[in-house]
Amino acid sequence: MSESLQPQFTEVLTLIKTAQQKVIASANQELIKLYWNIGKYISDRLATSEWGQKTIEQLAAFIQTQEPGLKGFEKRNLERMRQFYEIYPDSQITTALRTQLSWTHHRIIMSRCKTESERLFYLDLAATERYSTRELDRQINSGIFERTRLADARLSPTTHPQPLAGIFRDSYVLDFLNLPSKHSENDLKTALVSCLQKFILELGRDFTFLGEEYRLQVGNSDFFIDLLFYHRELQSLVAFELKIDKFRPEYLGQLEFYLEALDRDIRKAHENPSIGVLLCRDKDDEVVEYALSRSISPTVVAEYEIKLIPKDLLRRKLNEFYELLASKDEQ
């Protein structure tokens, strides 16, 4: 084969692979819709007493007899299809985005999530971030739903033109860094950069890394941002400052200075105001609330954890926070 033909042949191969991927995606979407429709059929029959519980077992046996090579329609899976429909009865699950997820994704979400809001959160997150089933399982284990809801409620007052809800976390789980309990800020930064792919998975795929120790020149002095990212959806620079101790209000002054310098000297005309994330080892939520109450810069104060946080603890924190808000509304 002539070397001059190889790039052209490669283009043809790319066309074939792209078409194959589209066929697989389309087949998966149709399969998810099929499972939902079968679940609806079974649920409707059971609701009208036309069928009993044993009928599902008989249906599974009938399908196996008629189509011996057909897999995935045994009694247990038919029960899951019924559950699938009954959890999502208004066909919201069959939207294009959510049918991109595999049946295994849906089974994980159905079995692991307790509330409708939690299920819908993970459906959209997994589809948008294109999680593998392993990545989805880790994010559920790490309580990303609870961590995101807590962060949404604690964002600083801001005039940022884009909604920030759902993007940042109240705490970040960095168990993949394998850091010892005692570590320096430089250890933390070096580990994050060396495990950047996993860190971006924790942050969200819309984050693009721009650099560490990003230099800002103001007057005759140089200043350095620990980590600088760009968020594509928000069209904003995002500055991360790392602190290995408990949050202190004075840390915000440094971060807001960096945001001002970014907006004046680095941000492009079409981009939105820069956002700051202060990542601390620990924080007192009341102190954070006071410190952020007068802040005009879009800022998030979050904890980082070097081990997985027990999910029950996160749920308890979220419930306590909702109860606190409810008591304030009643006053």
C-alpha atoms as a PDB file:
ATOM      1  CA  MET A   1       0.000   0.000   0.000  1.00  0.00           C
ATOM      2  CA  SER A   2       1.240   3.438  -0.931  1.00  0.00           C
ATOM      3  CA  GLU A   3       2.006   5.627   2.080  1.00  0.00           C
ATOM      4  CA  SER A   4       0.129   8.473   0.402  1.00  0.00           C
ATOM      5  CA  LEU A   5      -3.076   6.427   0.567  1.00  0.00           C
ATOM      6  CA  GLN A   6      -2.901   5.666   4.305  1.00  0.00           C
ATOM      7  CA  PRO A   7      -4.424   9.014   5.479  1.00  0.00           C
ATOM      8  CA  GLN A   8      -7.327   8.577   3.032  1.00  0.00           C
ATOM      9  CA  PHE A   9      -7.912   4.971   4.101  1.00  0.00           C
ATOM     10  CA  THR A  10      -7.823   6.126   7.723  1.00  0.00           C
ATOM     11  CA  GLU A  11     -10.569   8.665   6.961  1.00  0.00           C
ATOM     12  CA  VAL A  12     -12.767   5.873   5.576  1.00  0.00           C
ATOM     13  CA  LEU A  13     -12.103   3.773   8.687  1.00  0.00           C
ATOM     14  CA  THR A  14     -13.081   6.756  10.864  1.00  0.00           C
ATOM     15  CA  LEU A  15     -16.377   7.024   8.972  1.00  0.00           C
ATOM     16  CA  ILE A  16     -17.061   3.340   9.618  1.00  0.00           C
ATOM     17  CA  LYS A  17     -16.272   3.609  13.352  1.00  0.00           C
ATOM     18  CA  THR A  18     -18.390   6.758  13.735  1.00  0.00           C
ATOM     19  CA  ALA A  19     -21.344   5.022  12.078  1.00  0.00           C
ATOM     20  CA  GLN A  20     -20.881   1.964  14.313  1.00  0.00           C
ATOM     21  CA  GLN A  21     -20.949   4.154  17.418  1.00  0.00           C
ATOM     22  CA  LYS A  22     -24.160   5.814  16.222  1.00  0.00           C
ATOM     23  CA  VAL A  23     -25.766   2.418  15.577  1.00  0.00           C
ATOM     24  CA  ILE A  24     -24.820   1.218  19.062  1.00  0.00           C
ATOM     25  CA  ALA A  25     -26.137   4.437  20.657  1.00  0.00           C
ATOM     26  CA  SER A  26     -29.377   4.220  18.688  1.00  0.00           C
ATOM     27  CA  ALA A  27     -29.834   0.554  19.624  1.00  0.00           C
ATOM     28  CA  ASN A  28     -29.311   1.386  23.309  1.00  0.00           C
ATOM     29  CA  GLN A  29     -31.918   4.172  23.162  1.00  0.00           C
ATOM     30  CA  GLU A  30     -34.452   1.813  21.605  1.00  0.00           C
ATOM     31  CA  LEU A  31     -33.657  -0.839  24.224  1.00  0.00           C
ATOM     32  CA  ILE A  32     -34.279   1.585  27.105  1.00  0.00           C
ATOM     33  CA  LYS A  33     -37.599   2.638  25.541  1.00  0.00           C
ATOM     34  CA  LEU A  34     -38.509  -1.038  25.056  1.00  0.00           C
ATOM     35  CA  TYR A  35     -37.819  -1.836  28.718  1.00  0.00           C
ATOM     36  CA  TRP A  36     -39.935   1.130  29.821  1.00  0.00           C
ATOM     37  CA  ASN A  37     -42.819   0.042  27.564  1.00  0.00           C
ATOM     38  CA  ILE A  38     -42.636  -3.554  28.777  1.00  0.00           C
ATOM     39  CA  GLY A  39     -42.597  -2.288  32.357  1.00  0.00           C
ATOM     40  CA  LYS A  40     -45.676  -0.180  31.648  1.00  0.00           C
ATOM     41  CA  TYR A  41     -47.488  -3.136  30.091  1.00  0.00           C
ATOM     42  CA  ILE A  42     -46.758  -5.381  33.096  1.00  0.00           C
ATOM     43  CA  SER A  43     -47.621  -2.661  35.632  1.00  0.00           C
ATOM     44  CA  ASP A  44     -50.925  -1.847  33.923  1.00  0.00           C
ATOM     45  CA  ARG A  45     -51.951  -5.528  33.893  1.00  0.00           C
ATOM     46  CA  LEU A  46     -51.059  -6.008  37.545  1.00  0.00           C
ATOM     47  CA  ALA A  47     -52.929  -2.822  38.504  1.00  0.00           C
ATOM     48  CA  THR A  48     -56.174  -4.108  36.948  1.00  0.00           C
ATOM     49  CA  SER A  49     -55.809  -7.569  38.556  1.00  0.00           C
ATOM     50  CA  GLU A  50     -55.612  -9.185  35.115  1.00  0.00           C
ATOM     51  CA  TRP A  51     -52.264 -10.609  36.161  1.00  0.00           C
ATOM     52  CA  GLY A  52     -50.863 -11.928  39.405  1.00  0.00           C
ATOM     53  CA  GLN A  53     -47.247 -12.120  40.533  1.00  0.00           C
ATOM     54  CA  LYS A  54     -46.858 -15.603  39.043  1.00  0.00           C
ATOM     55  CA  THR A  55     -47.870 -14.262  35.639  1.00  0.00           C
ATOM     56  CA  ILE A  56     -44.516 -12.475  35.302  1.00  0.00           C
ATOM     57  CA  GLU A  57     -42.748 -15.786  35.846  1.00  0.00           C
ATOM     58  CA  GLN A  58     -45.002 -17.376  33.217  1.00  0.00           C
ATOM     59  CA  LEU A  59     -44.231 -14.505  30.812  1.00  0.00           C
ATOM     60  CA  ALA A  60     -40.494 -15.051  31.274  1.00  0.00           C
ATOM     61  CA  ALA A  61     -40.890 -18.762  30.562  1.00  0.00           C
ATOM     62  CA  PHE A  62     -43.032 -18.027  27.484  1.00  0.00           C
ATOM     63  CA  ILE A  63     -40.424 -15.650  26.030  1.00  0.00           C
ATOM     64  CA  GLN A  64     -37.657 -18.192  26.686  1.00  0.00           C
ATOM     65  CA  THR A  65     -39.680 -20.944  24.970  1.00  0.00           C
ATOM     66  CA  GLN A  66     -40.565 -18.827  21.950  1.00  0.00           C
ATOM     67  CA  GLU A  67     -37.140 -17.168  21.591  1.00  0.00           C
ATOM     68  CA  PRO A  68     -34.520 -19.400  23.292  1.00  0.00           C
ATOM     69  CA  GLY A  69     -31.632 -17.163  22.238  1.00  0.00           C
ATOM     70  CA  LEU A  70     -33.184 -13.963  23.591  1.00  0.00           C
ATOM     71  CA  LYS A  71     -31.375 -12.774  26.714  1.00  0.00           C
ATOM     72  CA  GLY A  72     -32.389 -10.254  29.363  1.00  0.00           C
ATOM     73  CA  PHE A  73     -36.059 -11.155  29.753  1.00  0.00           C
ATOM     74  CA  GLU A  74     -35.933 -13.506  32.708  1.00  0.00           C
ATOM     75  CA  LYS A  75     -38.336 -12.924  35.630  1.00  0.00           C
ATOM     76  CA  ARG A  76     -35.891 -10.815  37.646  1.00  0.00           C
ATOM     77  CA  ASN A  77     -35.232  -8.420  34.773  1.00  0.00           C
ATOM     78  CA  LEU A  78     -38.935  -8.182  33.904  1.00  0.00           C
ATOM     79  CA  GLU A  79     -39.527  -7.141  37.526  1.00  0.00           C
ATOM     80  CA  ARG A  80     -36.861  -4.467  37.103  1.00  0.00           C
ATOM     81  CA  MET A  81     -38.616  -3.200  33.961  1.00  0.00           C
ATOM     82  CA  ARG A  82     -41.835  -2.903  35.939  1.00  0.00           C
ATOM     83  CA  GLN A  83     -39.948  -1.004  38.662  1.00  0.00           C
ATOM     84  CA  PHE A  84     -38.335   1.156  35.949  1.00  0.00           C
ATOM     85  CA  TYR A  85     -41.740   2.232  34.658  1.00  0.00           C
ATOM     86  CA  GLU A  86     -43.256   2.741  38.107  1.00  0.00           C
ATOM     87  CA  ILE A  87     -40.342   4.964  39.190  1.00  0.00           C
ATOM     88  CA  TYR A  88     -40.628   7.033  35.987  1.00  0.00           C
ATOM     89  CA  PRO A  89     -44.321   6.710  34.990  1.00  0.00           C
ATOM     90  CA  ASP A  90     -44.592   9.919  32.953  1.00  0.00           C
ATOM     91  CA  SER A  91     -42.031   8.814  30.323  1.00  0.00           C
ATOM     92  CA  GLN A  92     -39.512  11.507  31.404  1.00  0.00           C
ATOM     93  CA  ILE A  93     -36.914   8.751  31.351  1.00  0.00           C
ATOM     94  CA  THR A  94     -37.268   8.308  27.586  1.00  0.00           C
ATOM     95  CA  THR A  95     -35.849  11.742  26.732  1.00  0.00           C
ATOM     96  CA  ALA A  96     -32.914  11.627  24.331  1.00  0.00           C
ATOM     97  CA  LEU A  97     -30.323  12.508  26.997  1.00  0.00           C
ATOM     98  CA  ARG A  98     -31.402   9.873  29.507  1.00  0.00           C
ATOM     99  CA  THR A  99     -31.758   7.065  26.983  1.00  0.00           C
ATOM    100  CA  GLN A 100     -28.046   7.480  26.240  1.00  0.00           C
ATOM    101  CA  LEU A 101     -27.408   5.684  29.523  1.00  0.00           C
ATOM    102  CA  SER A 102     -27.096   1.917  29.517  1.00  0.00           C
ATOM    103  CA  TRP A 103     -29.498  -0.386  31.343  1.00  0.00           C
ATOM    104  CA  THR A 104     -26.745  -1.010  33.902  1.00  0.00           C
ATOM    105  CA  HIS A 105     -26.576   2.754  34.626  1.00  0.00           C
ATOM    106  CA  HIS A 106     -30.330   2.783  35.221  1.00  0.00           C
ATOM    107  CA  ARG A 107     -30.194  -0.294  37.447  1.00  0.00           C
ATOM    108  CA  ILE A 108     -27.483   1.295  39.619  1.00  0.00           C
ATOM    109  CA  ILE A 109     -29.497   4.499  40.022  1.00  0.00           C
ATOM    110  CA  MET A 110     -32.737   2.642  40.777  1.00  0.00           C
ATOM    111  CA  SER A 111     -31.105   0.462  43.412  1.00  0.00           C
ATOM    112  CA  ARG A 112     -28.902   3.088  45.068  1.00  0.00           C
ATOM    113  CA  CYS A 113     -31.010   6.275  45.132  1.00  0.00           C
ATOM    114  CA  LYS A 114     -33.836   6.793  47.606  1.00  0.00           C
ATOM    115  CA  THR A 115     -35.651   9.890  46.340  1.00  0.00           C
ATOM    116  CA  GLU A 116     -36.887  11.169  43.002  1.00  0.00           C
ATOM    117  CA  SER A 117     -34.696  14.281  43.138  1.00  0.00           C
ATOM    118  CA  GLU A 118     -31.613  12.137  43.811  1.00  0.00           C
ATOM    119  CA  ARG A 119     -32.437   9.759  40.944  1.00  0.00           C
ATOM    120  CA  LEU A 120     -33.029  12.587  38.461  1.00  0.00           C
ATOM    121  CA  PHE A 121     -29.821  14.291  39.584  1.00  0.00           C
ATOM    122  CA  TYR A 122     -27.730  11.187  38.845  1.00  0.00           C
ATOM    123  CA  LEU A 123     -29.534  10.483  35.573  1.00  0.00           C
ATOM    124  CA  ASP A 124     -28.701  13.920  34.209  1.00  0.00           C
ATOM    125  CA  LEU A 125     -25.203  14.009  35.717  1.00  0.00           C
ATOM    126  CA  ALA A 126     -24.255  10.581  34.335  1.00  0.00           C
ATOM    127  CA  ALA A 127     -25.575  11.479  30.872  1.00  0.00           C
ATOM    128  CA  THR A 128     -23.994  14.941  30.763  1.00  0.00           C
ATOM    129  CA  GLU A 129     -20.626  13.818  32.175  1.00  0.00           C
ATOM    130  CA  ARG A 130     -20.698  10.536  30.191  1.00  0.00           C
ATOM    131  CA  TYR A 131     -19.865   8.465  33.261  1.00  0.00           C
ATOM    132  CA  SER A 132     -18.947   4.824  32.932  1.00  0.00           C
ATOM    133  CA  THR A 133     -20.888   2.586  35.315  1.00  0.00           C
ATOM    134  CA  ARG A 134     -17.787   2.423  37.528  1.00  0.00           C
ATOM    135  CA  GLU A 135     -17.518   6.227  37.647  1.00  0.00           C
ATOM    136  CA  LEU A 136     -21.235   6.523  38.416  1.00  0.00           C
ATOM    137  CA  ASP A 137     -20.927   4.034  41.259  1.00  0.00           C
ATOM    138  CA  ARG A 138     -18.025   5.986  42.758  1.00  0.00           C
ATOM    139  CA  GLN A 139     -19.896   9.292  42.571  1.00  0.00           C
ATOM    140  CA  ILE A 140     -22.907   7.793  44.355  1.00  0.00           C
ATOM    141  CA  ASN A 141     -20.581   6.320  46.990  1.00  0.00           C
ATOM    142  CA  SER A 142     -18.979   9.746  47.460  1.00  0.00           C
ATOM    143  CA  GLY A 143     -22.382  11.427  47.965  1.00  0.00           C
ATOM    144  CA  ILE A 144     -21.978  13.936  45.151  1.00  0.00           C
ATOM    145  CA  PHE A 145     -25.735  14.631  45.202  1.00  0.00           C
ATOM    146  CA  GLU A 146     -25.667  15.720  48.845  1.00  0.00           C
ATOM    147  CA  ARG A 147     -22.399  17.627  48.414  1.00  0.00           C
ATOM    148  CA  THR A 148     -23.802  19.528  45.433  1.00  0.00           C
ATOM    149  CA  ARG A 149     -27.089  20.404  47.132  1.00  0.00           C
ATOM    150  CA  LEU A 150     -25.236  21.762  50.160  1.00  0.00           C
ATOM    151  CA  ALA A 151     -22.997  23.879  47.920  1.00  0.00           C
ATOM    152  CA  ASP A 152     -25.968  25.273  45.953  1.00  0.00           C
ATOM    153  CA  ALA A 153     -27.498  26.562  49.171  1.00  0.00           C
ATOM    154  CA  ARG A 154     -24.255  28.192  50.315  1.00  0.00           C
ATOM    155  CA  LEU A 155     -23.023  30.012  47.222  1.00  0.00           C
ATOM    156  CA  SER A 156     -21.964  33.570  47.878  1.00  0.00           C
ATOM    157  CA  PRO A 157     -24.342  36.343  46.735  1.00  0.00           C
ATOM    158  CA  THR A 158     -23.309  37.128  43.175  1.00  0.00           C
ATOM    159  CA  THR A 159     -24.329  38.874  40.001  1.00  0.00           C
ATOM    160  CA  HIS A 160     -22.794  36.196  37.782  1.00  0.00           C
ATOM    161  CA  PRO A 161     -24.977  36.009  34.632  1.00  0.00           C
ATOM    162  CA  GLN A 162     -24.907  32.215  34.493  1.00  0.00           C
ATOM    163  CA  PRO A 163     -26.636  29.995  37.111  1.00  0.00           C
ATOM    164  CA  LEU A 164     -23.986  28.333  39.262  1.00  0.00           C
ATOM    165  CA  ALA A 165     -26.282  25.742  40.897  1.00  0.00           C
ATOM    166  CA  GLY A 166     -25.306  22.129  40.314  1.00  0.00           C
ATOM    167  CA  ILE A 167     -21.714  22.872  39.315  1.00  0.00           C
ATOM    168  CA  PHE A 168     -19.784  23.202  42.573  1.00  0.00           C
ATOM    169  CA  ARG A 169     -19.644  20.986  45.680  1.00  0.00           C
ATOM    170  CA  ASP A 170     -19.731  21.687  49.407  1.00  0.00           C
ATOM    171  CA  SER A 171     -16.862  19.221  49.737  1.00  0.00           C
ATOM    172  CA  TYR A 172     -14.590  17.421  47.290  1.00  0.00           C
ATOM    173  CA  VAL A 173     -13.601  13.800  47.791  1.00  0.00           C
ATOM    174  CA  LEU A 174      -9.938  13.350  46.843  1.00  0.00           C
ATOM    175  CA  ASP A 175      -9.431   9.773  48.016  1.00  0.00           C
ATOM    176  CA  PHE A 176      -7.660   8.936  44.742  1.00  0.00           C
ATOM    177  CA  LEU A 177      -4.690  11.118  45.783  1.00  0.00           C
ATOM    178  CA  ASN A 178      -3.678   8.648  48.531  1.00  0.00           C
ATOM    179  CA  LEU A 179      -2.364  11.506  50.650  1.00  0.00           C
ATOM    180  CA  PRO A 180      -1.291  10.923  54.256  1.00  0.00           C
ATOM    181  CA  SER A 181      -3.282  12.683  56.987  1.00  0.00           C
ATOM    182  CA  LYS A 182      -0.457  15.189  57.463  1.00  0.00           C
ATOM    183  CA  HIS A 183       0.495  16.869  54.197  1.00  0.00           C
ATOM    184  CA  SER A 184       1.551  20.281  52.931  1.00  0.00           C
ATOM    185  CA  GLU A 185      -0.224  22.577  50.510  1.00  0.00           C
ATOM    186  CA  ASN A 186       2.470  21.769  47.975  1.00  0.00           C
ATOM    187  CA  ASP A 187       1.861  18.020  48.482  1.00  0.00           C
ATOM    188  CA  LEU A 188      -1.843  18.588  47.836  1.00  0.00           C
ATOM    189  CA  LYS A 189      -1.253  20.710  44.729  1.00  0.00           C
ATOM    190  CA  THR A 190       1.345  18.320  43.285  1.00  0.00           C
ATOM    191  CA  ALA A 191      -0.941  15.335  43.842  1.00  0.00           C
ATOM    192  CA  LEU A 192      -3.908  17.088  42.217  1.00  0.00           C
ATOM    193  CA  VAL A 193      -1.886  17.976  39.132  1.00  0.00           C
ATOM    194  CA  SER A 194      -0.447  14.460  38.843  1.00  0.00           C
ATOM    195  CA  CYS A 195      -3.968  12.992  39.142  1.00  0.00           C
ATOM    196  CA  LEU A 196      -5.557  15.682  36.998  1.00  0.00           C
ATOM    197  CA  GLN A 197      -7.807  13.349  35.013  1.00  0.00           C
ATOM    198  CA  LYS A 198      -9.395  11.977  38.198  1.00  0.00           C
ATOM    199  CA  PHE A 199      -9.638  15.463  39.709  1.00  0.00           C
ATOM    200  CA  ILE A 200     -11.528  16.731  36.648  1.00  0.00           C
ATOM    201  CA  LEU A 201     -13.871  13.739  36.949  1.00  0.00           C
ATOM    202  CA  GLU A 202     -14.618  14.935  40.495  1.00  0.00           C
ATOM    203  CA  LEU A 203     -15.038  18.540  39.308  1.00  0.00           C
ATOM    204  CA  GLY A 204     -16.968  17.892  36.083  1.00  0.00           C
ATOM    205  CA  ARG A 205     -15.876  17.507  32.455  1.00  0.00           C
ATOM    206  CA  ASP A 206     -16.609  21.137  31.573  1.00  0.00           C
ATOM    207  CA  PHE A 207     -13.534  22.142  33.586  1.00  0.00           C
ATOM    208  CA  THR A 208     -10.390  22.654  31.483  1.00  0.00           C
ATOM    209  CA  PHE A 209      -7.039  22.952  33.259  1.00  0.00           C
ATOM    210  CA  LEU A 210      -5.036  26.085  32.435  1.00  0.00           C
ATOM    211  CA  GLY A 211      -2.129  25.798  34.834  1.00  0.00           C
ATOM    212  CA  GLU A 212      -0.674  25.566  38.328  1.00  0.00           C
ATOM    213  CA  GLU A 213       1.048  28.490  40.057  1.00  0.00           C
ATOM    214  CA  TYR A 214      -0.600  30.702  37.437  1.00  0.00           C
ATOM    215  CA  ARG A 215       1.272  34.020  37.486  1.00  0.00           C
ATOM    216  CA  LEU A 216      -0.525  37.337  37.871  1.00  0.00           C
ATOM    217  CA  GLN A 217       1.402  40.580  37.645  1.00  0.00           C
ATOM    218  CA  VAL A 218      -0.101  43.540  39.502  1.00  0.00           C
ATOM    219  CA  GLY A 219       2.000  46.679  39.762  1.00  0.00           C
ATOM    220  CA  ASN A 220       5.574  45.576  40.291  1.00  0.00           C
ATOM    221  CA  SER A 221       4.645  42.381  42.130  1.00  0.00           C
ATOM    222  CA  ASP A 222       3.969  38.796  41.047  1.00  0.00           C
ATOM    223  CA  PHE A 223       1.185  36.678  42.542  1.00  0.00           C
ATOM    224  CA  PHE A 224       0.449  33.009  41.906  1.00  0.00           C
ATOM    225  CA  ILE A 225      -2.900  31.200  41.787  1.00  0.00           C
ATOM    226  CA  ASP A 226      -2.589  27.588  42.984  1.00  0.00           C
ATOM    227  CA  LEU A 227      -4.703  26.088  40.176  1.00  0.00           C
ATOM    228  CA  LEU A 228      -6.521  27.839  37.344  1.00  0.00           C
ATOM    229  CA  PHE A 229      -9.300  26.251  35.282  1.00  0.00           C
ATOM    230  CA  TYR A 230     -11.754  27.393  32.629  1.00  0.00           C
ATOM    231  CA  HIS A 231     -15.385  26.280  32.744  1.00  0.00           C
ATOM    232  CA  ARG A 232     -16.796  25.954  29.239  1.00  0.00           C
ATOM    233  CA  GLU A 233     -20.513  26.169  30.066  1.00  0.00           C
ATOM    234  CA  LEU A 234     -20.110  29.105  32.436  1.00  0.00           C
ATOM    235  CA  GLN A 235     -17.509  30.718  30.167  1.00  0.00           C
ATOM    236  CA  SER A 236     -15.581  31.725  33.254  1.00  0.00           C
ATOM    237  CA  LEU A 237     -12.098  31.384  34.635  1.00  0.00           C
ATOM    238  CA  VAL A 238     -12.153  29.413  37.907  1.00  0.00           C
ATOM    239  CA  ALA A 239      -9.348  29.974  40.425  1.00  0.00           C
ATOM    240  CA  PHE A 240      -8.690  27.298  43.059  1.00  0.00           C
ATOM    241  CA  GLU A 241      -6.828  28.244  46.225  1.00  0.00           C
ATOM    242  CA  LEU A 242      -5.702  25.363  48.450  1.00  0.00           C
ATOM    243  CA  LYS A 243      -5.502  25.543  52.250  1.00  0.00           C
ATOM    244  CA  ILE A 244      -4.555  22.571  54.405  1.00  0.00           C
ATOM    245  CA  ASP A 245      -6.059  24.061  57.571  1.00  0.00           C
ATOM    246  CA  LYS A 246      -9.473  25.314  58.681  1.00  0.00           C
ATOM    247  CA  PHE A 247     -11.150  28.162  56.802  1.00  0.00           C
ATOM    248  CA  ARG A 248     -10.291  31.662  57.963  1.00  0.00           C
ATOM    249  CA  PRO A 249     -12.158  34.773  56.751  1.00  0.00           C
ATOM    250  CA  GLU A 250      -8.896  36.441  55.703  1.00  0.00           C
ATOM    251  CA  TYR A 251      -8.375  33.745  53.062  1.00  0.00           C
ATOM    252  CA  LEU A 252     -11.234  35.295  51.078  1.00  0.00           C
ATOM    253  CA  GLY A 253      -9.402  38.608  50.714  1.00  0.00           C
ATOM    254  CA  GLN A 254      -6.529  36.903  48.896  1.00  0.00           C
ATOM    255  CA  LEU A 255      -8.886  34.975  46.604  1.00  0.00           C
ATOM    256  CA  GLU A 256     -10.992  38.044  45.776  1.00  0.00           C
ATOM    257  CA  PHE A 257      -7.791  39.911  44.893  1.00  0.00           C
ATOM    258  CA  TYR A 258      -6.932  37.137  42.433  1.00  0.00           C
ATOM    259  CA  LEU A 259     -10.422  37.269  40.906  1.00  0.00           C
ATOM    260  CA  GLU A 260     -10.156  41.033  40.438  1.00  0.00           C
ATOM    261  CA  ALA A 261      -6.780  40.639  38.719  1.00  0.00           C
ATOM    262  CA  LEU A 262      -8.133  37.890  36.470  1.00  0.00           C
ATOM    263  CA  ASP A 263     -11.137  39.995  35.475  1.00  0.00           C
ATOM    264  CA  ARG A 264      -9.079  43.106  34.756  1.00  0.00           C
ATOM    265  CA  ASP A 265      -6.074  41.574  33.027  1.00  0.00           C
ATOM    266  CA  ILE A 266      -6.818  38.015  31.820  1.00  0.00           C
ATOM    267  CA  ARG A 267     -10.551  37.632  31.163  1.00  0.00           C
ATOM    268  CA  LYS A 268     -11.627  38.168  27.540  1.00  0.00           C
ATOM    269  CA  ALA A 269     -14.474  40.514  26.600  1.00  0.00           C
ATOM    270  CA  HIS A 270     -16.973  37.726  25.817  1.00  0.00           C
ATOM    271  CA  GLU A 271     -16.277  35.808  29.049  1.00  0.00           C
ATOM    272  CA  ASN A 272     -18.199  36.017  32.312  1.00  0.00           C
ATOM    273  CA  PRO A 273     -16.745  37.139  35.667  1.00  0.00           C
ATOM    274  CA  SER A 274     -14.154  34.839  37.204  1.00  0.00           C
ATOM    275  CA  ILE A 275     -15.146  32.416  39.977  1.00  0.00           C
ATOM    276  CA  GLY A 276     -13.142  31.488  43.064  1.00  0.00           C
ATOM    277  CA  VAL A 277     -13.058  28.163  44.907  1.00  0.00           C
ATOM    278  CA  LEU A 278     -11.362  28.073  48.289  1.00  0.00           C
ATOM    279  CA  LEU A 279     -10.564  24.453  49.100  1.00  0.00           C
ATOM    280  CA  CYS A 280      -9.926  24.007  52.845  1.00  0.00           C
ATOM    281  CA  ARG A 281      -9.283  21.012  55.079  1.00  0.00           C
ATOM    282  CA  ASP A 282     -12.179  22.031  57.325  1.00  0.00           C
ATOM    283  CA  LYS A 283     -14.699  24.842  57.737  1.00  0.00           C
ATOM    284  CA  ASP A 284     -17.264  26.200  60.161  1.00  0.00           C
ATOM    285  CA  ASP A 285     -20.408  26.803  58.090  1.00  0.00           C
ATOM    286  CA  GLU A 286     -21.545  29.758  60.198  1.00  0.00           C
ATOM    287  CA  VAL A 287     -18.162  31.482  59.860  1.00  0.00           C
ATOM    288  CA  VAL A 288     -18.269  30.859  56.089  1.00  0.00           C
ATOM    289  CA  GLU A 289     -21.784  32.315  55.856  1.00  0.00           C
ATOM    290  CA  TYR A 290     -20.704  35.494  57.665  1.00  0.00           C
ATOM    291  CA  ALA A 291     -17.573  35.806  55.543  1.00  0.00           C
ATOM    292  CA  LEU A 292     -19.443  35.400  52.256  1.00  0.00           C
ATOM    293  CA  SER A 293     -22.423  37.605  53.114  1.00  0.00           C
ATOM    294  CA  ARG A 294     -20.701  40.791  51.884  1.00  0.00           C
ATOM    295  CA  SER A 295     -18.704  39.171  49.105  1.00  0.00           C
ATOM    296  CA  ILE A 296     -19.576  40.448  45.631  1.00  0.00           C
ATOM    297  CA  SER A 297     -17.355  37.942  43.805  1.00  0.00           C
ATOM    298  CA  PRO A 298     -18.758  34.518  42.846  1.00  0.00           C
ATOM    299  CA  THR A 299     -17.018  32.399  45.473  1.00  0.00           C
ATOM    300  CA  VAL A 300     -17.339  28.874  46.858  1.00  0.00           C
ATOM    301  CA  VAL A 301     -15.783  27.695  50.108  1.00  0.00           C
ATOM    302  CA  ALA A 302     -15.483  23.905  50.125  1.00  0.00           C
ATOM    303  CA  GLU A 303     -13.815  21.225  52.197  1.00  0.00           C
ATOM    304  CA  TYR A 304     -11.692  18.467  50.763  1.00  0.00           C
ATOM    305  CA  GLU A 305     -11.678  14.927  52.071  1.00  0.00           C
ATOM    306  CA  ILE A 306      -8.866  12.443  51.500  1.00  0.00           C
ATOM    307  CA  LYS A 307     -11.187   9.527  52.279  1.00  0.00           C
ATOM    308  CA  LEU A 308     -14.750   8.754  51.202  1.00  0.00           C
ATOM    309  CA  ILE A 309     -17.320  10.478  53.428  1.00  0.00           C
ATOM    310  CA  PRO A 310     -19.971   8.104  54.833  1.00  0.00           C
ATOM    311  CA  LYS A 311     -23.069   8.655  52.717  1.00  0.00           C
ATOM    312  CA  ASP A 312     -25.360   8.539  55.761  1.00  0.00           C
ATOM    313  CA  LEU A 313     -23.404  11.421  57.287  1.00  0.00           C
ATOM    314  CA  LEU A 314     -23.863  13.524  54.152  1.00  0.00           C
ATOM    315  CA  ARG A 315     -27.592  12.753  54.073  1.00  0.00           C
ATOM    316  CA  ARG A 316     -27.848  13.760  57.729  1.00  0.00           C
ATOM    317  CA  LYS A 317     -26.020  17.037  57.061  1.00  0.00           C
ATOM    318  CA  LEU A 318     -28.322  17.794  54.136  1.00  0.00           C
ATOM    319  CA  ASN A 319     -31.466  17.016  56.173  1.00  0.00           C
ATOM    320  CA  GLU A 320     -30.222  19.156  59.063  1.00  0.00           C
ATOM    321  CA  PHE A 321     -29.583  22.013  56.665  1.00  0.00           C
ATOM    322  CA  TYR A 322     -33.097  21.762  55.196  1.00  0.00           C
ATOM    323  CA  GLU A 323     -34.565  21.688  58.727  1.00  0.00           C
ATOM    324  CA  LEU A 324     -32.565  24.804  59.626  1.00  0.00           C
ATOM    325  CA  LEU A 325     -33.892  26.624  56.557  1.00  0.00           C
ATOM    326  CA  ALA A 326     -37.446  25.581  57.401  1.00  0.00           C
ATOM    327  CA  SER A 327     -37.116  26.855  60.985  1.00  0.00           C
ATOM    328  CA  LYS A 328     -35.814  30.211  59.703  1.00  0.00           C
ATOM    329  CA  ASP A 329     -38.803  30.526  57.360  1.00  0.00           C
ATOM    330  CA  GLU A 330     -41.189  29.928  60.267  1.00  0.00           C
ATOM    331  CA  GLN A 331     -39.604  32.682  62.378  1.00  0.00           C
END
